């Protein structure tokens, strides 16, 4: 009895020593969650990101493309399988801190030498002849074994919680991918419509230039201009015609980019390109910056990864402390199947408890702990960087929408002025009051201004899409 008490005290002292000597340092880096109260470019409190993407994008063709992409996009489907993998990890981690129960059955045969210790014992054993041990000793066993690691330091439970955080992180990663997928399809769709309009403008410009070429040829026949003027006008027409093929190629590539995102082979993309210049970007309400923490899936993902990293530190830290395992078994064992279920003669059982703690050469555990600490600090910086990047994206896109609106208004006036100047220069040229170079330059400037006007409108629509994405819209 006295010996048992001494051993008990030694065990308690040993655990206390291990616990005090192995307590690692905590991470000193804290998360900086300071974020401005308002945006410098907006004072709204409502947030467009709360709006469902189907109510934000009203073009039926665009909505159909996005719907198809959410079902067929391969990258998104890969991410969905990642979510399933993370969910299975939770189930595996949950099972680790529950007892393991195994059922087993076995059979074998063995013969020992007569002049060995076991052989001599078998011969000298005085039992009934019917139960005497044969020379060729068979062995039959039917048992159940149980093993259980007692989760004293919550290592296994924290590991399960970390798996849950990682699972939720993959869900947020999926949401962020949906946001980007919708934004990319919308941006490509508006680019495709802009290309259609540029092609239409080129075709109209070619008609105008061919009419001007006819006038120049008539002027040459009347000896009012030289062959040089005719050749310059012909060159201008040919140059404008050649631009069509570059736009055709861009249309093909843009259509195929959309088809890839939608998850289908190349085919024409249904769209309505009429009145593109009359498109009015949706009014965006930015809300307040703190709403980014709940609306931006990448911020939520970074936050969950940070939580998982903190739990991983606790899991690794628990390896410094003693672990307690219980093993037990119960069953039947006999050398003859006829005696296998004899009770209590054939019953076997065992019960053991193991207390194991690292004492010498703990470098592997220390290294794992230091690495977990470093990964936690990395997660903190990643979270802060994600928040900062999100805020900057919103400010940049809101500013761009405002500036593009003003730019489009001025470019529209420029196009109107140059369009009128084409007619004026043509009339002046016909009456020999203007040089043919003025007509060419006016036509060139008008074409460039119209193409730039369409590009500005495309940039406006892209800024609208990017602002919606930056605010965290699209995944709800």
Protein backbone atom coordinates (compact mmCIF):
# COMPACT_ATOMS: atom_id res chain seq x y z
CA UNK A 1 0.00 0.00 0.00
CA UNK A 2 2.83 2.34 0.89
CA UNK A 3 4.57 1.54 -2.40
CA UNK A 4 1.42 2.38 -4.36
CA UNK A 5 1.17 5.80 -2.72
CA UNK A 6 4.83 6.55 -3.46
CA UNK A 7 4.32 5.64 -7.12
CA UNK A 8 1.19 7.78 -7.26
CA UNK A 9 3.01 10.81 -5.86
CA UNK A 10 5.90 10.29 -8.30
CA UNK A 11 3.44 10.23 -11.18
CA UNK A 12 1.72 13.44 -10.08
CA UNK A 13 5.06 15.22 -9.60
CA UNK A 14 6.26 14.06 -13.01
CA UNK A 15 3.11 15.39 -14.71
CA UNK A 16 3.44 18.73 -12.92
CA UNK A 17 7.09 19.02 -13.99
CA UNK A 18 6.25 18.23 -17.59
CA UNK A 19 3.32 20.66 -17.60
CA UNK A 20 5.32 23.56 -16.16
CA UNK A 21 8.52 22.95 -18.09
CA UNK A 22 6.87 22.43 -21.45
CA UNK A 23 4.38 25.31 -21.50
CA UNK A 24 5.31 27.09 -24.77
CA UNK A 25 5.27 30.79 -25.42
CA UNK A 26 2.08 32.27 -26.81
CA UNK A 27 1.97 34.18 -30.08
CA UNK A 28 2.56 37.86 -29.32
CA UNK A 29 1.26 39.19 -32.65
CA UNK A 30 -2.33 40.45 -32.36
CA UNK A 31 -4.83 40.95 -35.17
CA UNK A 32 -5.29 44.53 -36.32
CA UNK A 33 -9.01 44.90 -37.01
CA UNK A 34 -9.02 48.69 -37.29
CA UNK A 35 -10.88 49.78 -40.41
CA UNK A 36 -12.05 53.29 -41.41
CA UNK A 37 -15.59 54.18 -40.36
CA UNK A 38 -16.58 55.45 -43.83
CA UNK A 39 -15.36 55.53 -47.42
CA UNK A 40 -13.92 58.81 -48.64
CA UNK A 41 -15.90 58.53 -51.90
CA UNK A 42 -19.27 57.55 -50.43
CA UNK A 43 -21.47 58.31 -47.43
CA UNK A 44 -24.15 55.65 -48.04
CA UNK A 45 -25.26 53.29 -45.31
CA UNK A 46 -27.12 50.89 -47.61
CA UNK A 47 -25.01 48.26 -49.35
CA UNK A 48 -25.56 46.99 -52.88
CA UNK A 49 -23.66 43.80 -52.00
CA UNK A 50 -26.74 42.62 -50.09
CA UNK A 51 -28.58 42.52 -53.41
CA UNK A 52 -28.95 39.16 -55.14
CA UNK A 53 -27.00 38.94 -58.40
CA UNK A 54 -30.15 38.11 -60.38
CA UNK A 55 -31.69 41.40 -59.35
CA UNK A 56 -28.42 43.27 -59.97
CA UNK A 57 -27.91 41.93 -63.53
CA UNK A 58 -31.17 42.34 -65.46
CA UNK A 59 -30.04 41.26 -68.95
CA UNK A 60 -31.80 37.91 -69.55
CA UNK A 61 -29.00 36.59 -71.80
CA UNK A 62 -26.38 37.40 -69.18
CA UNK A 63 -28.47 35.81 -66.41
CA UNK A 64 -28.81 32.65 -68.50
CA UNK A 65 -25.03 32.47 -69.00
CA UNK A 66 -24.36 32.88 -65.28
CA UNK A 67 -26.94 30.23 -64.37
CA UNK A 68 -25.30 27.76 -66.75
CA UNK A 69 -21.83 28.57 -65.41
CA UNK A 70 -22.89 27.94 -61.80
CA UNK A 71 -23.88 24.41 -62.85
CA UNK A 72 -21.19 23.49 -65.37
CA UNK A 73 -18.03 25.47 -64.55
CA UNK A 74 -15.32 22.86 -63.95
CA UNK A 75 -13.26 24.93 -61.54
CA UNK A 76 -16.31 25.58 -59.37
CA UNK A 77 -17.18 21.88 -59.38
CA UNK A 78 -13.61 21.08 -58.31
CA UNK A 79 -14.05 23.48 -55.39
CA UNK A 80 -17.32 21.73 -54.43
CA UNK A 81 -15.40 18.45 -54.17
CA UNK A 82 -12.86 20.20 -51.95
CA UNK A 83 -15.75 21.09 -49.65
CA UNK A 84 -16.76 17.42 -49.53
CA UNK A 85 -13.18 16.48 -48.65
CA UNK A 86 -13.11 19.03 -45.82
CA UNK A 87 -16.43 17.73 -44.53
CA UNK A 88 -15.04 14.19 -44.46
CA UNK A 89 -12.04 15.47 -42.49
CA UNK A 90 -14.43 16.67 -39.78
CA UNK A 91 -15.94 13.19 -39.56
CA UNK A 92 -12.46 11.65 -39.27
CA UNK A 93 -11.31 14.10 -36.58
CA UNK A 94 -14.50 13.58 -34.60
CA UNK A 95 -13.88 9.84 -34.54
CA UNK A 96 -10.37 10.24 -33.13
CA UNK A 97 -11.50 11.28 -29.65
CA UNK A 98 -14.14 8.51 -29.40
CA UNK A 99 -13.26 4.92 -28.28
CA UNK A 100 -12.24 2.46 -30.97
CA UNK A 101 -13.95 -0.96 -30.69
CA UNK A 102 -12.78 -3.86 -32.86
CA UNK A 103 -14.20 -7.37 -33.17
CA UNK A 104 -11.86 -10.18 -34.16
CA UNK A 105 -11.70 -13.91 -34.72
CA UNK A 106 -8.68 -16.09 -35.43
CA UNK A 107 -7.41 -19.65 -35.73
CA UNK A 108 -3.96 -21.23 -35.84
CA UNK A 109 -1.91 -24.32 -35.06
CA UNK A 110 1.37 -24.76 -33.17
CA UNK A 111 3.60 -27.66 -32.03
CA UNK A 112 6.17 -27.19 -29.28
CA UNK A 113 9.10 -29.47 -28.57
CA UNK A 114 8.65 -32.09 -25.82
CA UNK A 115 11.90 -31.11 -24.14
CA UNK A 116 11.11 -27.44 -23.97
CA UNK A 117 9.63 -25.67 -21.02
CA UNK A 118 6.18 -25.37 -22.57
CA UNK A 119 6.30 -28.99 -23.81
CA UNK A 120 7.25 -30.34 -20.38
CA UNK A 121 4.45 -28.35 -18.73
CA UNK A 122 1.89 -29.69 -21.21
CA UNK A 123 2.92 -33.32 -20.58
CA UNK A 124 2.89 -32.95 -16.79
CA UNK A 125 -0.50 -31.20 -16.69
CA UNK A 126 -3.05 -33.48 -15.10
CA UNK A 127 -6.36 -32.95 -16.85
CA UNK A 128 -9.09 -35.17 -18.21
CA UNK A 129 -8.04 -37.18 -21.27
CA UNK A 130 -10.79 -35.59 -23.36
CA UNK A 131 -9.40 -32.15 -22.58
CA UNK A 132 -5.72 -33.04 -22.82
CA UNK A 133 -3.66 -30.71 -24.95
CA UNK A 134 -2.76 -32.34 -28.27
CA UNK A 135 0.76 -32.30 -29.69
CA UNK A 136 -0.33 -30.19 -32.64
CA UNK A 137 -1.86 -27.38 -30.61
CA UNK A 138 -4.63 -25.47 -32.33
CA UNK A 139 -5.64 -22.02 -31.19
CA UNK A 140 -9.07 -20.46 -31.65
CA UNK A 141 -9.97 -16.97 -30.47
CA UNK A 142 -13.01 -14.74 -30.55
CA UNK A 143 -12.63 -11.34 -28.89
CA UNK A 144 -13.45 -7.65 -28.79
CA UNK A 145 -10.76 -5.03 -28.19
CA UNK A 146 -11.22 -1.43 -27.14
CA UNK A 147 -8.71 1.43 -27.28
CA UNK A 148 -9.27 5.01 -26.20
CA UNK A 149 -7.00 8.01 -25.84
CA UNK A 150 -8.38 10.16 -23.06
CA UNK A 151 -8.43 13.71 -24.43
CA UNK A 152 -7.10 15.39 -21.28
CA UNK A 153 -5.60 18.45 -22.99
CA UNK A 154 -8.37 18.77 -25.63
CA UNK A 155 -5.88 17.99 -28.37
CA UNK A 156 -8.29 15.82 -30.33
CA UNK A 157 -11.28 18.10 -29.79
CA UNK A 158 -9.27 21.14 -30.89
CA UNK A 159 -8.16 19.19 -33.94
CA UNK A 160 -11.82 18.58 -34.78
CA UNK A 161 -12.64 22.28 -34.28
CA UNK A 162 -9.75 23.20 -36.59
CA UNK A 163 -11.17 20.83 -39.22
CA UNK A 164 -14.55 22.56 -38.88
CA UNK A 165 -12.93 25.98 -39.41
CA UNK A 166 -11.09 24.68 -42.46
CA UNK A 167 -14.34 23.26 -43.83
CA UNK A 168 -16.11 26.59 -43.37
CA UNK A 169 -13.09 28.26 -44.97
CA UNK A 170 -13.50 26.13 -48.11
CA UNK A 171 -17.20 27.08 -48.20
CA UNK A 172 -16.22 30.76 -48.14
CA UNK A 173 -13.60 30.01 -50.79
CA UNK A 174 -16.38 28.59 -52.95
CA UNK A 175 -18.46 31.73 -52.38
CA UNK A 176 -15.51 33.93 -53.36
CA UNK A 177 -15.03 31.86 -56.50
CA UNK A 178 -18.72 32.33 -57.37
CA UNK A 179 -18.35 36.09 -56.94
CA UNK A 180 -15.34 36.19 -59.26
CA UNK A 181 -16.95 33.82 -61.77
CA UNK A 182 -20.08 35.97 -62.05
CA UNK A 183 -17.97 39.13 -62.36
CA UNK A 184 -15.75 37.59 -65.04
CA UNK A 185 -18.71 36.41 -67.12
CA UNK A 186 -20.43 39.80 -66.84
CA UNK A 187 -17.24 41.65 -67.79
CA UNK A 188 -16.67 39.38 -70.81
CA UNK A 189 -20.30 39.73 -71.83
CA UNK A 190 -20.11 43.53 -71.86
CA UNK A 191 -16.79 43.34 -73.70
CA UNK A 192 -18.43 41.16 -76.35
CA UNK A 193 -21.27 43.65 -76.81
CA UNK A 194 -18.74 46.50 -77.05
CA UNK A 195 -16.89 44.63 -79.80
CA UNK A 196 -20.15 44.18 -81.70
CA UNK A 197 -20.75 47.91 -81.52
CA UNK A 198 -17.20 48.71 -82.62
CA UNK A 199 -17.69 46.42 -85.60
CA UNK A 200 -20.95 48.20 -86.47
CA UNK A 201 -19.23 51.59 -86.29
CA UNK A 202 -16.43 50.36 -88.55
CA UNK A 203 -18.94 49.17 -91.13
CA UNK A 204 -20.75 52.53 -91.06
CA UNK A 205 -17.44 54.37 -91.30
CA UNK A 206 -16.45 52.26 -94.29
CA UNK A 207 -19.68 53.28 -96.03
CA UNK A 208 -18.93 56.94 -95.29
CA UNK A 209 -15.36 56.64 -96.54
CA UNK A 210 -16.42 54.82 -99.72
CA UNK A 211 -18.88 57.63 -100.45
CA UNK A 212 -16.07 60.14 -99.91
CA UNK A 213 -13.89 58.09 -102.25
CA UNK A 214 -16.54 58.33 -104.97
CA UNK A 215 -16.63 62.10 -104.56
CA UNK A 216 -12.83 62.31 -104.84
CA UNK A 217 -12.88 60.24 -108.02
CA UNK A 218 -15.46 62.59 -109.48
CA UNK A 219 -13.30 65.53 -108.44
CA UNK A 220 -10.32 63.95 -110.20
CA UNK A 221 -12.33 63.46 -113.39
CA UNK A 222 -13.19 67.15 -113.18
CA UNK A 223 -9.46 67.89 -112.73
CA UNK A 224 -10.08 69.47 -109.34
CA UNK A 225 -7.80 67.02 -107.47
CA UNK A 226 -4.87 64.82 -108.39
CA UNK A 227 -4.40 61.04 -108.35
CA UNK A 228 -2.67 61.47 -105.00
CA UNK A 229 -5.95 62.40 -103.30
CA UNK A 230 -7.65 59.33 -104.80
CA UNK A 231 -4.90 57.03 -103.57
CA UNK A 232 -4.97 58.52 -100.08
CA UNK A 233 -8.72 57.97 -99.82
CA UNK A 234 -8.39 54.41 -101.13
CA UNK A 235 -5.68 53.68 -98.55
CA UNK A 236 -7.91 55.04 -95.81
CA UNK A 237 -10.77 52.77 -96.86
CA UNK A 238 -8.49 49.71 -97.01
CA UNK A 239 -7.04 50.49 -93.58
CA UNK A 240 -10.49 50.78 -92.04
CA UNK A 241 -11.62 47.53 -93.68
CA UNK A 242 -8.57 45.70 -92.29
CA UNK A 243 -9.53 46.72 -88.75
CA UNK A 244 -12.67 44.56 -89.04
CA UNK A 245 -10.68 41.34 -88.93
CA UNK A 246 -8.92 42.20 -85.69
CA UNK A 247 -12.33 42.85 -84.12
CA UNK A 248 -13.69 39.59 -85.57
CA UNK A 249 -10.81 37.75 -83.92
CA UNK A 250 -11.44 39.48 -80.60
CA UNK A 251 -15.11 38.50 -80.81
CA UNK A 252 -14.19 34.85 -81.37
CA UNK A 253 -11.78 34.83 -78.43
CA UNK A 254 -14.23 36.62 -76.12
CA UNK A 255 -17.04 34.23 -77.06
CA UNK A 256 -14.80 31.24 -76.38
CA UNK A 257 -13.69 32.73 -73.05
CA UNK A 258 -17.35 32.94 -72.05
CA UNK A 259 -17.98 29.41 -73.33
CA UNK A 260 -15.07 28.13 -71.25
CA UNK A 261 -16.38 29.81 -68.11
CA UNK A 262 -19.83 28.40 -68.82
CA UNK A 263 -18.33 24.92 -69.26
CA UNK A 264 -19.21 24.22 -72.88
CA UNK A 265 -17.49 23.91 -76.23
CA UNK A 266 -17.19 26.94 -78.58
CA UNK A 267 -20.50 28.18 -79.92
CA UNK A 268 -22.15 31.56 -80.59
CA UNK A 269 -23.08 33.47 -77.47
CA UNK A 270 -26.62 34.80 -77.39
CA UNK A 271 -26.65 38.55 -76.68
CA UNK A 272 -28.43 41.78 -77.50
CA UNK A 273 -25.95 44.42 -78.66
CA UNK A 274 -28.45 47.13 -79.53
CA UNK A 275 -28.29 50.49 -77.77
CA UNK A 276 -25.11 49.61 -75.86
CA UNK A 277 -24.19 53.28 -75.58
CA UNK A 278 -27.52 53.90 -73.87
CA UNK A 279 -26.71 51.44 -71.07
CA UNK A 280 -26.76 53.14 -67.69
CA UNK A 281 -24.60 51.45 -65.02
CA UNK A 282 -26.49 50.40 -61.91
CA UNK A 283 -26.36 52.77 -58.99
CA UNK A 284 -23.91 51.37 -56.45
CA UNK A 285 -24.31 51.98 -52.72
CA UNK A 286 -21.08 51.13 -50.90
CA UNK A 287 -22.43 51.10 -47.34
CA UNK A 288 -19.81 51.29 -44.60
CA UNK A 289 -16.39 49.57 -44.63
CA UNK A 290 -17.17 47.30 -41.67
CA UNK A 291 -19.76 45.53 -43.83
CA UNK A 292 -16.88 44.12 -45.86
CA UNK A 293 -16.08 41.81 -42.94
CA UNK A 294 -19.35 39.98 -43.47
CA UNK A 295 -19.94 40.47 -47.21
CA UNK A 296 -16.49 39.68 -48.60
CA UNK A 297 -16.06 35.91 -48.76
CA UNK A 298 -12.26 36.17 -49.02
CA UNK A 299 -12.16 38.12 -45.72
CA UNK A 300 -14.38 35.53 -44.05
CA UNK A 301 -12.17 32.80 -45.48
CA UNK A 302 -9.02 34.45 -44.12
CA UNK A 303 -10.68 34.85 -40.72
CA UNK A 304 -11.63 31.17 -40.58
CA UNK A 305 -8.14 30.13 -41.66
CA UNK A 306 -6.77 32.28 -38.83
CA UNK A 307 -9.09 30.53 -36.37
CA UNK A 308 -7.93 27.14 -37.67
CA UNK A 309 -4.29 28.22 -37.30
CA UNK A 310 -4.90 29.19 -33.65
CA UNK A 311 -6.43 25.79 -32.95
CA UNK A 312 -3.56 24.04 -34.72
CA UNK A 313 -1.18 25.75 -32.28
CA UNK A 314 -3.16 24.33 -29.35
CA UNK A 315 -3.15 20.87 -30.93
CA UNK A 316 0.62 20.86 -31.40
CA UNK A 317 1.20 22.35 -27.95
CA UNK A 318 -0.69 19.42 -26.39
CA UNK A 319 2.02 17.07 -27.70
CA UNK A 320 4.34 18.42 -24.98
CA UNK A 321 2.02 17.04 -22.30
CA UNK A 322 1.50 13.42 -21.20
CA UNK A 323 -1.06 11.36 -23.11
CA UNK A 324 -3.21 8.73 -21.40
CA UNK A 325 -4.43 5.70 -23.34
CA UNK A 326 -6.70 2.88 -22.20
CA UNK A 327 -6.66 -0.54 -23.85
CA UNK A 328 -9.06 -3.34 -22.99
CA UNK A 329 -10.03 -6.71 -24.40
CA UNK A 330 -12.62 -9.41 -23.72
CA UNK A 331 -13.23 -12.73 -25.49
CA UNK A 332 -12.84 -16.49 -25.63
CA UNK A 333 -9.75 -18.58 -26.46
CA UNK A 334 -9.26 -22.36 -26.55
CA UNK A 335 -7.23 -25.02 -28.36
CA UNK A 336 -10.42 -26.87 -29.37
CA UNK A 337 -13.54 -25.25 -30.92
CA UNK A 338 -15.66 -27.42 -28.63
CA UNK A 339 -14.25 -25.59 -25.60
CA UNK A 340 -14.26 -22.11 -27.17
CA UNK A 341 -17.32 -20.75 -25.40
CA UNK A 342 -16.82 -22.57 -22.07
CA UNK A 343 -17.38 -20.09 -19.28
CA UNK A 344 -15.35 -19.14 -17.32
CA UNK A 345 -12.57 -21.57 -18.37
CA UNK A 346 -12.07 -20.09 -21.90
CA UNK A 347 -12.67 -16.43 -21.03
CA UNK A 348 -9.80 -13.99 -21.51
CA UNK A 349 -9.67 -10.30 -20.69
CA UNK A 350 -7.15 -7.53 -20.23
CA UNK A 351 -7.16 -3.90 -19.15
CA UNK A 352 -4.18 -1.55 -19.36
CA UNK A 353 -3.61 2.15 -19.01
CA UNK A 354 -0.57 3.91 -20.48
CA UNK A 355 0.70 7.33 -19.48
CA UNK A 356 3.28 8.54 -22.01
CA UNK A 357 5.14 11.83 -22.05
CA UNK A 358 8.09 13.07 -24.14
CA UNK A 359 11.20 13.60 -21.99
CA UNK A 360 14.37 13.59 -24.12
CA UNK A 361 14.85 14.73 -27.73
CA UNK A 362 11.69 16.72 -28.21
CA UNK A 363 13.09 18.58 -31.21
CA UNK A 364 10.41 17.26 -33.56
CA UNK A 365 7.63 18.46 -31.25
CA UNK A 366 9.31 21.84 -30.72
CA UNK A 367 9.78 22.26 -34.46
CA UNK A 368 6.13 21.41 -35.14
CA UNK A 369 5.05 23.93 -32.48
CA UNK A 370 7.28 26.71 -33.81
CA UNK A 371 6.03 26.05 -37.35
CA UNK A 372 2.42 26.18 -36.15
CA UNK A 373 3.17 29.51 -34.44
CA UNK A 374 4.68 30.89 -37.63
CA UNK A 375 1.70 29.72 -39.68
CA UNK A 376 -0.59 31.46 -37.21
CA UNK A 377 1.34 34.73 -37.62
CA UNK A 378 1.18 34.26 -41.40
CA UNK A 379 -2.59 33.84 -41.12
CA UNK A 380 -2.80 37.10 -39.14
CA UNK A 381 -0.90 39.01 -41.81
CA UNK A 382 -2.97 37.37 -44.55
CA UNK A 383 -6.18 38.46 -42.84
CA UNK A 384 -4.96 42.04 -42.43
CA UNK A 385 -3.77 42.14 -46.05
CA UNK A 386 -7.12 40.83 -47.30
CA UNK A 387 -9.05 43.49 -45.38
CA UNK A 388 -6.75 46.26 -46.62
CA UNK A 389 -6.94 45.03 -50.20
CA UNK A 390 -10.74 44.83 -50.07
CA UNK A 391 -11.03 48.40 -48.77
CA UNK A 392 -8.67 49.73 -51.47
CA UNK A 393 -10.57 47.87 -54.21
CA UNK A 394 -13.86 49.47 -53.17
CA UNK A 395 -12.37 52.99 -53.05
CA UNK A 396 -10.61 52.57 -56.41
CA UNK A 397 -13.68 51.20 -58.19
CA UNK A 398 -16.06 53.80 -56.74
CA UNK A 399 -13.67 56.54 -57.84
CA UNK A 400 -13.36 54.97 -61.28
CA UNK A 401 -17.14 54.87 -61.74
CA UNK A 402 -17.38 58.56 -60.90
CA UNK A 403 -14.53 59.58 -63.22
CA UNK A 404 -15.71 57.39 -66.11
CA UNK A 405 -19.17 58.90 -65.91
CA UNK A 406 -17.67 62.38 -66.42
CA UNK A 407 -15.32 61.13 -69.13
CA UNK A 408 -18.14 59.46 -71.06
CA UNK A 409 -20.17 62.66 -71.04
CA UNK A 410 -17.29 64.64 -72.57
CA UNK A 411 -16.42 61.94 -75.12
CA UNK A 412 -20.06 61.80 -76.22
CA UNK A 413 -19.95 65.53 -76.97
CA UNK A 414 -16.67 65.02 -78.80
CA UNK A 415 -18.24 62.33 -81.03
CA UNK A 416 -21.19 64.58 -81.83
CA UNK A 417 -18.89 67.43 -82.80
CA UNK A 418 -16.66 65.24 -85.00
CA UNK A 419 -19.65 63.53 -86.63
CA UNK A 420 -20.99 66.92 -87.65
CA UNK A 421 -17.53 67.95 -88.85
CA UNK A 422 -17.46 65.02 -91.29
CA UNK A 423 -20.44 66.40 -93.16
CA UNK A 424 -19.05 69.92 -93.02
CA UNK A 425 -15.61 68.90 -94.31
CA UNK A 426 -17.17 66.86 -97.14
CA UNK A 427 -19.33 69.81 -98.24
CA UNK A 428 -16.37 72.19 -98.09
CA UNK A 429 -14.22 69.78 -100.04
CA UNK A 430 -16.90 69.46 -102.75
CA UNK A 431 -16.96 73.21 -103.11
CA UNK A 432 -13.15 73.37 -103.16
CA UNK A 433 -13.07 75.31 -99.92
CA UNK A 434 -11.24 72.59 -97.98
CA UNK A 435 -8.27 70.34 -98.70
CA UNK A 436 -8.77 66.58 -99.01
CA UNK A 437 -6.40 66.05 -96.06
CA UNK A 438 -8.87 67.84 -93.82
CA UNK A 439 -11.56 65.37 -94.87
CA UNK A 440 -9.26 62.39 -94.17
CA UNK A 441 -8.17 63.71 -90.80
CA UNK A 442 -11.76 64.49 -89.81
CA UNK A 443 -12.90 60.99 -90.75
CA UNK A 444 -9.99 59.42 -88.85
CA UNK A 445 -10.61 61.53 -85.73
CA UNK A 446 -14.33 60.76 -85.81
CA UNK A 447 -13.69 57.03 -86.07
CA UNK A 448 -11.20 57.09 -83.19
CA UNK A 449 -13.56 59.13 -81.01
CA UNK A 450 -16.44 56.70 -81.63
CA UNK A 451 -14.26 53.68 -80.82
CA UNK A 452 -13.00 55.41 -77.68
CA UNK A 453 -16.56 56.25 -76.67
CA UNK A 454 -17.49 52.56 -76.83
CA UNK A 455 -14.36 51.64 -74.87
CA UNK A 456 -15.31 54.19 -72.21
CA UNK A 457 -18.82 52.71 -71.97
CA UNK A 458 -17.29 49.25 -71.66
CA UNK A 459 -15.01 50.50 -68.89
CA UNK A 460 -18.05 51.99 -67.16
CA UNK A 461 -19.87 48.66 -67.18
CA UNK A 462 -16.70 46.88 -66.07
CA UNK A 463 -16.26 49.33 -63.19
CA UNK A 464 -19.86 48.68 -62.14
CA UNK A 465 -19.24 44.91 -62.13
CA UNK A 466 -15.92 45.26 -60.29
CA UNK A 467 -17.46 47.54 -57.66
CA UNK A 468 -20.24 45.02 -57.04
CA UNK A 469 -17.60 42.29 -56.71
CA UNK A 470 -15.34 44.42 -54.49
CA UNK A 471 -18.22 45.07 -52.08
CA UNK A 472 -18.73 41.32 -51.75
CA UNK A 473 -21.80 40.91 -53.93
CA UNK A 474 -22.61 38.00 -56.19
CA UNK A 475 -22.41 34.91 -53.99
CA UNK A 476 -25.66 35.30 -52.06
